[in-house]
Each structure stands twice: as structure tokens, then as C-alpha cells.
Amino acid sequence: MSVKITQRSDLRKHRQRVTLDGTEYRIVFTWRQRQRAWYFDIYSQSGDPISLGRRISAGWSPTRTATDERLPPGAFVVKGVDGYSRSDLGDDLQVWYYGTAEIAALPVNDDLDGFSVDVD
């Protein structure tokens, strides 16, 4: 089941707990004015850092290049447009999580030797 991660643009930094594929994680969103961008951190349930300081960019996963085996087994996807402002988070810029069951159910695209995903 896909999960829209709760995002609040009214707070420069906010934390939340979320259960993804049966495991609880802590997620932090931080607005960095100097870079004019939102950043994403994910921690284990006990508060140990898993992936920190990942810039949120539309059409990209903030954990795509992360290699920590404690990451959720599914995929985070950012929907929206580049060139966003602080107030866009949650409305015009959204972070979604797609679980392992959804990913396993995706059709295989033989032309690309991989999976085909429509995130719109």
C-alpha cells in the first residue's frame, strides 16, 4: 500500500513516526533557506540515523543512492515540480512511499529490462 508521508510546510523542521512495510521509522523534513530546498532524514525506531541530509527533488527518490540495509525495503518517490518554494511541501511537492507488495505487482517492461512505474 502506498503511503503519503505527512509533510508540513509551516514548520521549518518537523519529525514524525511512520510504519513502512511493518517497521516503524522516524522521518524528519528540514527546510534549508540557503539552498532553498527541503531535506529528508530517516532514522530507525530507536533513533539511530539511517540516511541523513537527502535533498528532496521532484521525480527522484531521496534514498535512491543510500545503501544502508536498515532502509525500508520499498521506494520513496517525490512527486511535484522542481523550483519549488518552502510552502509547496505537502501540496505541490509530496513524498510517497511504495511498499514491497506494490513494487512486486508492477508489470515488467521488457524493453527497459526493468520495472515500469507511473507515479502521477
PDB file of N, CA and C in Angstrom:
ATOM      1  N   MET A   1       0.837  -1.176   0.000  1.00  0.00           N
ATOM      2  CA  MET A   1       0.000   0.000   0.000  1.00  0.00           C
ATOM      3  C   MET A   1       0.881   1.239   0.000  1.00  0.00           C
ATOM      4  N   SER A   2       0.590   2.177  -0.890  1.00  0.00           N
ATOM      5  CA  SER A   2       1.364   3.412  -0.921  1.00  0.00           C
ATOM      6  C   SER A   2       0.973   4.283   0.271  1.00  0.00           C
ATOM      7  N   VAL A   3       1.949   5.026   0.754  1.00  0.00           N
ATOM      8  CA  VAL A   3       1.756   5.890   1.923  1.00  0.00           C
ATOM      9  C   VAL A   3       2.258   7.277   1.563  1.00  0.00           C
ATOM     10  N   LYS A   4       1.382   8.266   1.674  1.00  0.00           N
ATOM     11  CA  LYS A   4       1.824   9.650   1.522  1.00  0.00           C
ATOM     12  C   LYS A   4       2.400  10.069   2.872  1.00  0.00           C
ATOM     13  N   ILE A   5       3.682  10.410   2.872  1.00  0.00           N
ATOM     14  CA  ILE A   5       4.332  10.827   4.101  1.00  0.00           C
ATOM     15  C   ILE A   5       3.824  12.233   4.439  1.00  0.00           C
ATOM     16  N   THR A   6       3.383  12.433   5.663  1.00  0.00           N
ATOM     17  CA  THR A   6       2.844  13.727   6.082  1.00  0.00           C
ATOM     18  C   THR A   6       3.940  14.786   6.026  1.00  0.00           C
ATOM     19  N   GLN A   7       3.615  15.908   5.422  1.00  0.00           N
ATOM     20  CA  GLN A   7       4.578  16.990   5.284  1.00  0.00           C
ATOM     21  C   GLN A   7       3.927  18.301   5.667  1.00  0.00           C
ATOM     22  N   ARG A   8       4.661  19.125   6.414  1.00  0.00           N
ATOM     23  CA  ARG A   8       4.136  20.413   6.879  1.00  0.00           C
ATOM     24  C   ARG A   8       5.077  21.531   6.458  1.00  0.00           C
ATOM     25  N   SER A   9       4.609  22.379   5.572  1.00  0.00           N
ATOM     26  CA  SER A   9       5.448  23.477   5.103  1.00  0.00           C
ATOM     27  C   SER A   9       5.466  24.646   6.088  1.00  0.00           C
ATOM     28  N   ASP A  10       4.548  24.648   7.064  1.00  0.00           N
ATOM     29  CA  ASP A  10       4.503  25.759   8.021  1.00  0.00           C
ATOM     30  C   ASP A  10       5.603  25.666   9.082  1.00  0.00           C
ATOM     31  N   LEU A  11       6.245  24.514   9.192  1.00  0.00           N
ATOM     32  CA  LEU A  11       7.339  24.331  10.138  1.00  0.00           C
ATOM     33  C   LEU A  11       8.642  24.156   9.366  1.00  0.00           C
ATOM     34  N   ARG A  12       9.681  24.845   9.778  1.00  0.00           N
ATOM     35  CA  ARG A  12      10.976  24.721   9.108  1.00  0.00           C
ATOM     36  C   ARG A  12      11.562  23.327   9.283  1.00  0.00           C
ATOM     37  N   LYS A  13      11.232  22.683  10.401  1.00  0.00           N
ATOM     38  CA  LYS A  13      11.689  21.319  10.664  1.00  0.00           C
ATOM     39  C   LYS A  13      10.588  20.582  11.393  1.00  0.00           C
ATOM     40  N   HIS A  14      10.263  19.404  10.943  1.00  0.00           N
ATOM     41  CA  HIS A  14       9.280  18.602  11.659  1.00  0.00           C
ATOM     42  C   HIS A  14       9.614  17.125  11.567  1.00  0.00           C
ATOM     43  N   ARG A  15       9.230  16.425  12.638  1.00  0.00           N
ATOM     44  CA  ARG A  15       9.511  14.993  12.789  1.00  0.00           C
ATOM     45  C   ARG A  15       8.201  14.224  12.854  1.00  0.00           C
ATOM     46  N   GLN A  16       8.295  12.966  12.466  1.00  0.00           N
ATOM     47  CA  GLN A  16       7.124  12.095  12.571  1.00  0.00           C
ATOM     48  C   GLN A  16       7.568  10.642  12.627  1.00  0.00           C
ATOM     49  N   ARG A  17       6.679   9.809  13.126  1.00  0.00           N
ATOM     50  CA  ARG A  17       6.876   8.358  13.100  1.00  0.00           C
ATOM     51  C   ARG A  17       5.927   7.798  12.055  1.00  0.00           C
ATOM     52  N   VAL A  18       6.427   6.830  11.309  1.00  0.00           N
ATOM     53  CA  VAL A  18       5.607   6.227  10.267  1.00  0.00           C
ATOM     54  C   VAL A  18       5.986   4.752  10.155  1.00  0.00           C
ATOM     55  N   THR A  19       4.978   3.907   9.941  1.00  0.00           N
ATOM     56  CA  THR A  19       5.213   2.479   9.752  1.00  0.00           C
ATOM     57  C   THR A  19       5.224   2.180   8.261  1.00  0.00           C
ATOM     58  N   LEU A  20       6.335   1.603   7.790  1.00  0.00           N
ATOM     59  CA  LEU A  20       6.508   1.280   6.379  1.00  0.00           C
ATOM     60  C   LEU A  20       6.877  -0.200   6.262  1.00  0.00           C
ATOM     61  N   ASP A  21       6.076  -0.935   5.528  1.00  0.00           N
ATOM     62  CA  ASP A  21       6.295  -2.379   5.373  1.00  0.00           C
ATOM     63  C   ASP A  21       6.469  -3.060   6.727  1.00  0.00           C
ATOM     64  N   GLY A  22       5.650  -2.644   7.711  1.00  0.00           N
ATOM     65  CA  GLY A  22       5.621  -3.302   9.010  1.00  0.00           C
ATOM     66  C   GLY A  22       6.670  -2.859  10.021  1.00  0.00           C
ATOM     67  N   THR A  23       7.518  -1.908   9.663  1.00  0.00           N
ATOM     68  CA  THR A  23       8.559  -1.426  10.574  1.00  0.00           C
ATOM     69  C   THR A  23       8.376   0.065  10.793  1.00  0.00           C
ATOM     70  N   GLU A  24       8.549   0.499  12.042  1.00  0.00           N
ATOM     71  CA  GLU A  24       8.397   1.917  12.353  1.00  0.00           C
ATOM     72  C   GLU A  24       9.718   2.653  12.129  1.00  0.00           C
ATOM     73  N   TYR A  25       9.617   3.822  11.524  1.00  0.00           N
ATOM     74  CA  TYR A  25      10.755   4.696  11.264  1.00  0.00           C
ATOM     75  C   TYR A  25      10.422   6.096  11.756  1.00  0.00           C
ATOM     76  N   ARG A  26      11.452   6.900  11.924  1.00  0.00           N
ATOM     77  CA  ARG A  26      11.297   8.323  12.215  1.00  0.00           C
ATOM     78  C   ARG A  26      11.782   9.085  10.987  1.00  0.00           C
ATOM     79  N   ILE A  27      10.966  10.004  10.528  1.00  0.00           N
ATOM     80  CA  ILE A  27      11.309  10.806   9.356  1.00  0.00           C
ATOM     81  C   ILE A  27      11.329  12.273   9.764  1.00  0.00           C
ATOM     82  N   VAL A  28      12.333  12.994   9.264  1.00  0.00           N
ATOM     83  CA  VAL A  28      12.479  14.416   9.555  1.00  0.00           C
ATOM     84  C   VAL A  28      12.578  15.167   8.235  1.00  0.00           C
ATOM     85  N   PHE A  29      11.793  16.228   8.103  1.00  0.00           N
ATOM     86  CA  PHE A  29      11.885  17.149   6.974  1.00  0.00           C
ATOM     87  C   PHE A  29      12.462  18.460   7.499  1.00  0.00           C
ATOM     88  N   THR A  30      13.448  19.010   6.786  1.00  0.00           N
ATOM     89  CA  THR A  30      14.074  20.263   7.196  1.00  0.00           C
ATOM     90  C   THR A  30      14.179  21.189   5.988  1.00  0.00           C
ATOM     91  N   TRP A  31      13.716  22.437   6.167  1.00  0.00           N
ATOM     92  CA  TRP A  31      13.872  23.451   5.129  1.00  0.00           C
ATOM     93  C   TRP A  31      15.194  24.170   5.353  1.00  0.00           C
ATOM     94  N   ARG A  32      16.033  24.217   4.325  1.00  0.00           N
ATOM     95  CA  ARG A  32      17.302  24.939   4.391  1.00  0.00           C
ATOM     96  C   ARG A  32      17.202  26.156   3.482  1.00  0.00           C
ATOM     97  N   GLN A  33      17.111  27.306   4.113  1.00  0.00           N
ATOM     98  CA  GLN A  33      16.904  28.551   3.377  1.00  0.00           C
ATOM     99  C   GLN A  33      18.054  28.845   2.414  1.00  0.00           C
ATOM    100  N   ARG A  34      19.265  28.599   2.846  1.00  0.00           N
ATOM    101  CA  ARG A  34      20.420  28.898   1.995  1.00  0.00           C
ATOM    102  C   ARG A  34      20.352  28.140   0.670  1.00  0.00           C
ATOM    103  N   GLN A  35      19.946  26.875   0.708  1.00  0.00           N
ATOM    104  CA  GLN A  35      19.823  26.069  -0.506  1.00  0.00           C
ATOM    105  C   GLN A  35      18.430  26.183  -1.133  1.00  0.00           C
ATOM    106  N   ARG A  36      17.516  26.803  -0.389  1.00  0.00           N
ATOM    107  CA  ARG A  36      16.119  26.939  -0.815  1.00  0.00           C
ATOM    108  C   ARG A  36      15.556  25.574  -1.217  1.00  0.00           C
ATOM    109  N   ALA A  37      15.705  24.617  -0.280  1.00  0.00           N
ATOM    110  CA  ALA A  37      15.272  23.242  -0.569  1.00  0.00           C
ATOM    111  C   ALA A  37      14.905  22.518   0.718  1.00  0.00           C
ATOM    112  N   TRP A  38      14.037  21.523   0.569  1.00  0.00           N
ATOM    113  CA  TRP A  38      13.683  20.625   1.666  1.00  0.00           C
ATOM    114  C   TRP A  38      14.657  19.451   1.674  1.00  0.00           C
ATOM    115  N   TYR A  39      14.964  18.970   2.878  1.00  0.00           N
ATOM    116  CA  TYR A  39      15.843  17.821   3.061  1.00  0.00           C
ATOM    117  C   TYR A  39      15.135  16.765   3.897  1.00  0.00           C
ATOM    118  N   PHE A  40      15.538  15.527   3.698  1.00  0.00           N
ATOM    119  CA  PHE A  40      14.868  14.347   4.235  1.00  0.00           C
ATOM    120  C   PHE A  40      15.874  13.519   5.025  1.00  0.00           C
ATOM    121  N   ASP A  41      15.514  13.178   6.260  1.00  0.00           N
ATOM    122  CA  ASP A  41      16.318  12.271   7.086  1.00  0.00           C
ATOM    123  C   ASP A  41      15.427  11.111   7.503  1.00  0.00           C
ATOM    124  N   ILE A  42      16.013   9.935   7.617  1.00  0.00           N
ATOM    125  CA  ILE A  42      15.261   8.789   8.116  1.00  0.00           C
ATOM    126  C   ILE A  42      16.100   8.094   9.191  1.00  0.00           C
ATOM    127  N   TYR A  43      15.424   7.752  10.277  1.00  0.00           N
ATOM    128  CA  TYR A  43      16.043   7.113  11.440  1.00  0.00           C
ATOM    129  C   TYR A  43      15.299   5.824  11.761  1.00  0.00           C
ATOM    130  N   SER A  44      15.988   4.932  12.453  1.00  0.00           N
ATOM    131  CA  SER A  44      15.342   3.716  12.941  1.00  0.00           C
ATOM    132  C   SER A  44      14.357   4.088  14.044  1.00  0.00           C
ATOM    133  N   GLN A  45      13.560   3.128  14.449  1.00  0.00           N
ATOM    134  CA  GLN A  45      12.584   3.340  15.518  1.00  0.00           C
ATOM    135  C   GLN A  45      13.283   3.807  16.798  1.00  0.00           C
ATOM    136  N   SER A  46      14.488   3.319  17.045  1.00  0.00           N
ATOM    137  CA  SER A  46      15.225   3.682  18.261  1.00  0.00           C
ATOM    138  C   SER A  46      15.976   5.005  18.119  1.00  0.00           C
ATOM    139  N   GLY A  47      15.922   5.622  16.935  1.00  0.00           N
ATOM    140  CA  GLY A  47      16.555   6.917  16.736  1.00  0.00           C
ATOM    141  C   GLY A  47      17.936   6.879  16.113  1.00  0.00           C
ATOM    142  N   ASP A  48      18.385   5.697  15.682  1.00  0.00           N
ATOM    143  CA  ASP A  48      19.680   5.603  15.017  1.00  0.00           C
ATOM    144  C   ASP A  48      19.565   6.128  13.584  1.00  0.00           C
ATOM    145  N   PRO A  49      20.503   6.978  13.141  1.00  0.00           N
ATOM    146  CA  PRO A  49      20.433   7.516  11.781  1.00  0.00           C
ATOM    147  C   PRO A  49      20.620   6.424  10.727  1.00  0.00           C
ATOM    148  N   ILE A  50      19.790   6.486   9.687  1.00  0.00           N
ATOM    149  CA  ILE A  50      19.886   5.543   8.573  1.00  0.00           C
ATOM    150  C   ILE A  50      20.351   6.272   7.316  1.00  0.00           C
ATOM    151  N   SER A  51      19.695   7.378   6.992  1.00  0.00           N
ATOM    152  CA  SER A  51      20.058   8.178   5.821  1.00  0.00           C
ATOM    153  C   SER A  51      19.730   9.630   6.142  1.00  0.00           C
ATOM    154  N   LEU A  52      20.743  10.495   6.083  1.00  0.00           N
ATOM    155  CA  LEU A  52      20.575  11.876   6.510  1.00  0.00           C
ATOM    156  C   LEU A  52      20.920  12.863   5.396  1.00  0.00           C
ATOM    157  N   GLY A  53      20.248  14.025   5.434  1.00  0.00           N
ATOM    158  CA  GLY A  53      20.595  15.135   4.548  1.00  0.00           C
ATOM    159  C   GLY A  53      20.333  14.902   3.082  1.00  0.00           C
ATOM    160  N   ARG A  54      19.272  14.169   2.759  1.00  0.00           N
ATOM    161  CA  ARG A  54      18.937  13.890   1.364  1.00  0.00           C
ATOM    162  C   ARG A  54      18.005  14.977   0.830  1.00  0.00           C
ATOM    163  N   ARG A  55      18.462  15.679  -0.188  1.00  0.00           N
ATOM    164  CA  ARG A  55      17.661  16.756  -0.783  1.00  0.00           C
ATOM    165  C   ARG A  55      16.434  16.173  -1.473  1.00  0.00           C
ATOM    166  N   ILE A  56      15.318  16.834  -1.296  1.00  0.00           N
ATOM    167  CA  ILE A  56      14.075  16.403  -1.940  1.00  0.00           C
ATOM    168  C   ILE A  56      13.992  17.070  -3.312  1.00  0.00           C
ATOM    169  N   SER A  57      13.961  16.235  -4.351  1.00  0.00           N
ATOM    170  CA  SER A  57      13.878  16.704  -5.735  1.00  0.00           C
ATOM    171  C   SER A  57      12.767  15.945  -6.434  1.00  0.00           C
ATOM    172  N   ALA A  58      11.934  16.679  -7.152  1.00  0.00           N
ATOM    173  CA  ALA A  58      10.809  16.066  -7.860  1.00  0.00           C
ATOM    174  C   ALA A  58      11.291  15.000  -8.835  1.00  0.00           C
ATOM    175  N   GLY A  59      10.562  13.878  -8.861  1.00  0.00           N
ATOM    176  CA  GLY A  59      10.872  12.794  -9.779  1.00  0.00           C
ATOM    177  C   GLY A  59      12.049  11.941  -9.342  1.00  0.00           C
ATOM    178  N   TRP A  60      12.476  12.091  -8.119  1.00  0.00           N
ATOM    179  CA  TRP A  60      13.654  11.379  -7.636  1.00  0.00           C
ATOM    180  C   TRP A  60      13.352  10.806  -6.259  1.00  0.00           C
ATOM    181  N   SER A  61      14.052   9.761  -5.892  1.00  0.00           N
ATOM    182  CA  SER A  61      13.903   9.185  -4.562  1.00  0.00           C
ATOM    183  C   SER A  61      15.003   9.733  -3.661  1.00  0.00           C
ATOM    184  N   PRO A  62      14.648  10.267  -2.493  1.00  0.00           N
ATOM    185  CA  PRO A  62      15.690  10.794  -1.611  1.00  0.00           C
ATOM    186  C   PRO A  62      16.613   9.713  -1.048  1.00  0.00           C
ATOM    187  N   THR A  63      16.243   8.457  -1.177  1.00  0.00           N
ATOM    188  CA  THR A  63      17.104   7.374  -0.677  1.00  0.00           C
ATOM    189  C   THR A  63      17.662   6.514  -1.811  1.00  0.00           C
ATOM    190  N   ARG A  64      17.532   6.951  -3.026  1.00  0.00           N
ATOM    191  CA  ARG A  64      17.930   6.136  -4.187  1.00  0.00           C
ATOM    192  C   ARG A  64      19.373   5.653  -4.102  1.00  0.00           C
ATOM    193  N   THR A  65      20.300   6.484  -3.722  1.00  0.00           N
ATOM    194  CA  THR A  65      21.709   6.079  -3.690  1.00  0.00           C
ATOM    195  C   THR A  65      22.164   5.633  -2.303  1.00  0.00           C
ATOM    196  N   ALA A  66      21.255   5.618  -1.339  1.00  0.00           N
ATOM    197  CA  ALA A  66      21.597   5.172   0.013  1.00  0.00           C
ATOM    198  C   ALA A  66      21.740   3.657   0.024  1.00  0.00           C
ATOM    199  N   THR A  67      22.663   3.161   0.832  1.00  0.00           N
ATOM    200  CA  THR A  67      22.943   1.722   0.822  1.00  0.00           C
ATOM    201  C   THR A  67      22.720   1.042   2.164  1.00  0.00           C
ATOM    202  N   ASP A  68      22.240   1.747   3.141  1.00  0.00           N
ATOM    203  CA  ASP A  68      22.049   1.165   4.471  1.00  0.00           C
ATOM    204  C   ASP A  68      20.967   0.089   4.418  1.00  0.00           C
ATOM    205  N   GLU A  69      21.295  -1.105   4.880  1.00  0.00           N
ATOM    206  CA  GLU A  69      20.336  -2.220   4.811  1.00  0.00           C
ATOM    207  C   GLU A  69      19.156  -2.051   5.763  1.00  0.00           C
ATOM    208  N   ARG A  70      19.198  -1.050   6.637  1.00  0.00           N
ATOM    209  CA  ARG A  70      18.064  -0.782   7.538  1.00  0.00           C
ATOM    210  C   ARG A  70      16.990   0.082   6.886  1.00  0.00           C
ATOM    211  N   LEU A  71      17.237   0.565   5.680  1.00  0.00           N
ATOM    212  CA  LEU A  71      16.227   1.345   4.960  1.00  0.00           C
ATOM    213  C   LEU A  71      14.990   0.502   4.719  1.00  0.00           C
ATOM    214  N   PRO A  72      13.827   1.133   4.619  1.00  0.00           N
ATOM    215  CA  PRO A  72      12.627   0.372   4.257  1.00  0.00           C
ATOM    216  C   PRO A  72      12.859  -0.326   2.912  1.00  0.00           C
ATOM    217  N   PRO A  73      12.289  -1.510   2.725  1.00  0.00           N
ATOM    218  CA  PRO A  73      12.547  -2.278   1.505  1.00  0.00           C
ATOM    219  C   PRO A  73      11.841  -1.751   0.261  1.00  0.00           C
ATOM    220  N   GLY A  74      10.882  -0.861   0.416  1.00  0.00           N
ATOM    221  CA  GLY A  74      10.162  -0.293  -0.726  1.00  0.00           C
ATOM    222  C   GLY A  74      10.906   0.886  -1.312  1.00  0.00           C
ATOM    223  N   ALA A  75      10.163   1.850  -1.863  1.00  0.00           N
ATOM    224  CA  ALA A  75      10.787   3.003  -2.527  1.00  0.00           C
ATOM    225  C   ALA A  75      10.063   4.293  -2.171  1.00  0.00           C
ATOM    226  N   PHE A  76      10.843   5.315  -1.861  1.00  0.00           N
ATOM    227  CA  PHE A  76      10.311   6.665  -1.694  1.00  0.00           C
ATOM    228  C   PHE A  76      10.316   7.334  -3.060  1.00  0.00           C
ATOM    229  N   VAL A  77       9.272   8.098  -3.357  1.00  0.00           N
ATOM    230  CA  VAL A  77       9.173   8.827  -4.615  1.00  0.00           C
ATOM    231  C   VAL A  77       8.690  10.235  -4.305  1.00  0.00           C
ATOM    232  N   VAL A  78       9.339  11.230  -4.923  1.00  0.00           N
ATOM    233  CA  VAL A  78       8.932  12.628  -4.749  1.00  0.00           C
ATOM    234  C   VAL A  78       8.131  13.036  -5.976  1.00  0.00           C
ATOM    235  N   LYS A  79       6.917  13.504  -5.736  1.00  0.00           N
ATOM    236  CA  LYS A  79       6.042  13.982  -6.812  1.00  0.00           C
ATOM    237  C   LYS A  79       5.965  15.499  -6.721  1.00  0.00           C
ATOM    238  N   GLY A  80       6.016  16.152  -7.853  1.00  0.00           N
ATOM    239  CA  GLY A  80       5.911  17.603  -7.872  1.00  0.00           C
ATOM    240  C   GLY A  80       6.769  18.192  -8.969  1.00  0.00           C
ATOM    241  N   VAL A  81       7.147  19.457  -8.780  1.00  0.00           N
ATOM    242  CA  VAL A  81       7.952  20.167  -9.774  1.00  0.00           C
ATOM    243  C   VAL A  81       9.221  20.693  -9.117  1.00  0.00           C
ATOM    244  N   ASP A  82      10.283  20.792  -9.900  1.00  0.00           N
ATOM    245  CA  ASP A  82      11.497  21.424  -9.405  1.00  0.00           C
ATOM    246  C   ASP A  82      11.263  22.935  -9.341  1.00  0.00           C
ATOM    247  N   GLY A  83      12.110  23.614  -8.627  1.00  0.00           N
ATOM    248  CA  GLY A  83      11.947  25.053  -8.469  1.00  0.00           C
ATOM    249  C   GLY A  83      10.860  25.379  -7.460  1.00  0.00           C
ATOM    250  N   TYR A  84      10.634  24.473  -6.530  1.00  0.00           N
ATOM    251  CA  TYR A  84       9.583  24.660  -5.540  1.00  0.00           C
ATOM    252  C   TYR A  84      10.010  25.675  -4.473  1.00  0.00           C
ATOM    253  N   SER A  85       9.025  26.119  -3.702  1.00  0.00           N
ATOM    254  CA  SER A  85       9.293  27.003  -2.570  1.00  0.00           C
ATOM    255  C   SER A  85       8.973  26.260  -1.275  1.00  0.00           C
ATOM    256  N   ARG A  86       9.300  26.858  -0.168  1.00  0.00           N
ATOM    257  CA  ARG A  86       9.058  26.222   1.128  1.00  0.00           C
ATOM    258  C   ARG A  86       7.600  25.833   1.296  1.00  0.00           C
ATOM    259  N   SER A  87       6.694  26.694   0.878  1.00  0.00           N
ATOM    260  CA  SER A  87       5.263  26.455   1.093  1.00  0.00           C
ATOM    261  C   SER A  87       4.687  25.362   0.199  1.00  0.00           C
ATOM    262  N   ASP A  88       5.441  24.877  -0.774  1.00  0.00           N
ATOM    263  CA  ASP A  88       4.940  23.833  -1.680  1.00  0.00           C
ATOM    264  C   ASP A  88       4.919  22.443  -1.060  1.00  0.00           C
ATOM    265  N   LEU A  89       5.701  22.221  -0.004  1.00  0.00           N
ATOM    266  CA  LEU A  89       5.769  20.889   0.590  1.00  0.00           C
ATOM    267  C   LEU A  89       4.401  20.457   1.112  1.00  0.00           C
ATOM    268  N   GLY A  90       3.973  19.292   0.705  1.00  0.00           N
ATOM    269  CA  GLY A  90       2.688  18.745   1.135  1.00  0.00           C
ATOM    270  C   GLY A  90       1.584  18.936   0.120  1.00  0.00           C
ATOM    271  N   ASP A  91       1.680  19.985  -0.697  1.00  0.00           N
ATOM    272  CA  ASP A  91       0.671  20.227  -1.725  1.00  0.00           C
ATOM    273  C   ASP A  91       1.256  19.986  -3.117  1.00  0.00           C
ATOM    274  N   ASP A  92       2.111  20.900  -3.553  1.00  0.00           N
ATOM    275  CA  ASP A  92       2.708  20.781  -4.883  1.00  0.00           C
ATOM    276  C   ASP A  92       3.968  19.931  -4.889  1.00  0.00           C
ATOM    277  N   LEU A  93       4.430  19.557  -3.722  1.00  0.00           N
ATOM    278  CA  LEU A  93       5.600  18.699  -3.579  1.00  0.00           C
ATOM    279  C   LEU A  93       5.270  17.669  -2.505  1.00  0.00           C
ATOM    280  N   GLN A  94       5.272  16.397  -2.878  1.00  0.00           N
ATOM    281  CA  GLN A  94       4.859  15.339  -1.960  1.00  0.00           C
ATOM    282  C   GLN A  94       5.857  14.190  -1.976  1.00  0.00           C
ATOM    283  N   VAL A  95       6.041  13.591  -0.805  1.00  0.00           N
ATOM    284  CA  VAL A  95       6.880  12.403  -0.696  1.00  0.00           C
ATOM    285  C   VAL A  95       5.968  11.213  -0.418  1.00  0.00           C
ATOM    286  N   TRP A  96       6.077  10.192  -1.252  1.00  0.00           N
ATOM    287  CA  TRP A  96       5.287   8.973  -1.144  1.00  0.00           C
ATOM    288  C   TRP A  96       6.214   7.790  -0.917  1.00  0.00           C
ATOM    289  N   TYR A  97       5.670   6.766  -0.268  1.00  0.00           N
ATOM    290  CA  TYR A  97       6.403   5.516  -0.094  1.00  0.00           C
ATOM    291  C   TYR A  97       5.572   4.415  -0.739  1.00  0.00           C
ATOM    292  N   TYR A  98       6.228   3.606  -1.575  1.00  0.00           N
ATOM    293  CA  TYR A  98       5.591   2.465  -2.214  1.00  0.00           C
ATOM    294  C   TYR A  98       6.187   1.200  -1.609  1.00  0.00           C
ATOM    295  N   GLY A  99       5.319   0.374  -1.040  1.00  0.00           N
ATOM    296  CA  GLY A  99       5.753  -0.830  -0.344  1.00  0.00           C
ATOM    297  C   GLY A  99       6.177  -1.943  -1.278  1.00  0.00           C
ATOM    298  N   THR A 100       6.746  -2.968  -0.681  1.00  0.00           N
ATOM    299  CA  THR A 100       7.273  -4.085  -1.461  1.00  0.00           C
ATOM    300  C   THR A 100       6.184  -4.818  -2.239  1.00  0.00           C
ATOM    301  N   ALA A 101       4.987  -4.917  -1.669  1.00  0.00           N
ATOM    302  CA  ALA A 101       3.901  -5.606  -2.374  1.00  0.00           C
ATOM    303  C   ALA A 101       3.523  -4.861  -3.652  1.00  0.00           C
ATOM    304  N   GLU A 102       3.482  -3.532  -3.586  1.00  0.00           N
ATOM    305  CA  GLU A 102       3.162  -2.738  -4.780  1.00  0.00           C
ATOM    306  C   GLU A 102       4.256  -2.852  -5.834  1.00  0.00           C
ATOM    307  N   ILE A 103       5.482  -2.817  -5.392  1.00  0.00           N
ATOM    308  CA  ILE A 103       6.596  -2.911  -6.332  1.00  0.00           C
ATOM    309  C   ILE A 103       6.604  -4.286  -6.999  1.00  0.00           C
ATOM    310  N   ALA A 104       6.352  -5.334  -6.233  1.00  0.00           N
ATOM    311  CA  ALA A 104       6.327  -6.697  -6.789  1.00  0.00           C
ATOM    312  C   ALA A 104       5.204  -6.864  -7.806  1.00  0.00           C
ATOM    313  N   ALA A 105       4.128  -6.097  -7.657  1.00  0.00           N
ATOM    314  CA  ALA A 105       2.987  -6.225  -8.560  1.00  0.00           C
ATOM    315  C   ALA A 105       3.143  -5.412  -9.847  1.00  0.00           C
ATOM    316  N   LEU A 106       4.204  -4.626  -9.953  1.00  0.00           N
ATOM    317  CA  LEU A 106       4.398  -3.808 -11.153  1.00  0.00           C
ATOM    318  C   LEU A 106       4.690  -4.684 -12.360  1.00  0.00           C
ATOM    319  N   PRO A 107       4.171  -4.279 -13.524  1.00  0.00           N
ATOM    320  CA  PRO A 107       4.476  -5.050 -14.733  1.00  0.00           C
ATOM    321  C   PRO A 107       5.930  -4.851 -15.138  1.00  0.00           C
ATOM    322  N   VAL A 108       6.517  -5.896 -15.660  1.00  0.00           N
ATOM    323  CA  VAL A 108       7.892  -5.822 -16.155  1.00  0.00           C
ATOM    324  C   VAL A 108       7.863  -5.225 -17.552  1.00  0.00           C
ATOM    325  N   ASN A 109       8.735  -4.265 -17.798  1.00  0.00           N
ATOM    326  CA  ASN A 109       8.866  -3.656 -19.114  1.00  0.00           C
ATOM    327  C   ASN A 109      10.079  -4.294 -19.787  1.00  0.00           C
ATOM    328  N   ASP A 110       9.844  -5.226 -20.703  1.00  0.00           N
ATOM    329  CA  ASP A 110      10.930  -5.966 -21.343  1.00  0.00           C
ATOM    330  C   ASP A 110      11.852  -5.065 -22.152  1.00  0.00           C
ATOM    331  N   ASP A 111      11.336  -3.939 -22.669  1.00  0.00           N
ATOM    332  CA  ASP A 111      12.167  -3.035 -23.456  1.00  0.00           C
ATOM    333  C   ASP A 111      13.230  -2.356 -22.610  1.00  0.00           C
ATOM    334  N   LEU A 112      12.971  -2.179 -21.325  1.00  0.00           N
ATOM    335  CA  LEU A 112      13.889  -1.470 -20.444  1.00  0.00           C
ATOM    336  C   LEU A 112      14.620  -2.386 -19.485  1.00  0.00           C
ATOM    337  N   ASP A 113      14.339  -3.692 -19.533  1.00  0.00           N
ATOM    338  CA  ASP A 113      14.939  -4.638 -18.614  1.00  0.00           C
ATOM    339  C   ASP A 113      14.721  -4.219 -17.166  1.00  0.00           C
ATOM    340  N   GLY A 114      13.548  -3.739 -16.864  1.00  0.00           N
ATOM    341  CA  GLY A 114      13.251  -3.292 -15.506  1.00  0.00           C
ATOM    342  C   GLY A 114      11.773  -3.110 -15.326  1.00  0.00           C
ATOM    343  N   PHE A 115      11.412  -2.378 -14.311  1.00  0.00           N
ATOM    344  CA  PHE A 115      10.011  -2.148 -13.998  1.00  0.00           C
ATOM    345  C   PHE A 115       9.543  -0.830 -14.576  1.00  0.00           C
ATOM    346  N   SER A 116       8.274  -0.775 -14.866  1.00  0.00           N
ATOM    347  CA  SER A 116       7.645   0.443 -15.362  1.00  0.00           C
ATOM    348  C   SER A 116       6.768   0.990 -14.247  1.00  0.00           C
ATOM    349  N   VAL A 117       6.990   2.237 -13.874  1.00  0.00           N
ATOM    350  CA  VAL A 117       6.244   2.839 -12.771  1.00  0.00           C
ATOM    351  C   VAL A 117       5.628   4.148 -13.226  1.00  0.00           C
ATOM    352  N   ASP A 118       4.343   4.309 -12.991  1.00  0.00           N
ATOM    353  CA  ASP A 118       3.658   5.572 -13.230  1.00  0.00           C
ATOM    354  C   ASP A 118       3.369   6.178 -11.868  1.00  0.00           C
ATOM    355  N   VAL A 119       4.054   7.262 -11.514  1.00  0.00           N
ATOM    356  CA  VAL A 119       3.897   7.851 -10.187  1.00  0.00           C
ATOM    357  C   VAL A 119       2.992   9.081 -10.183  1.00  0.00           C
ATOM    358  N   ASP A 120       2.335   9.362 -11.294  1.00  0.00           N
ATOM    359  CA  ASP A 120       1.431  10.528 -11.318  1.00  0.00           C
ATOM    360  C   ASP A 120       0.050  10.198 -10.844  1.00  0.00           C
TER     361      ASP A 120
END
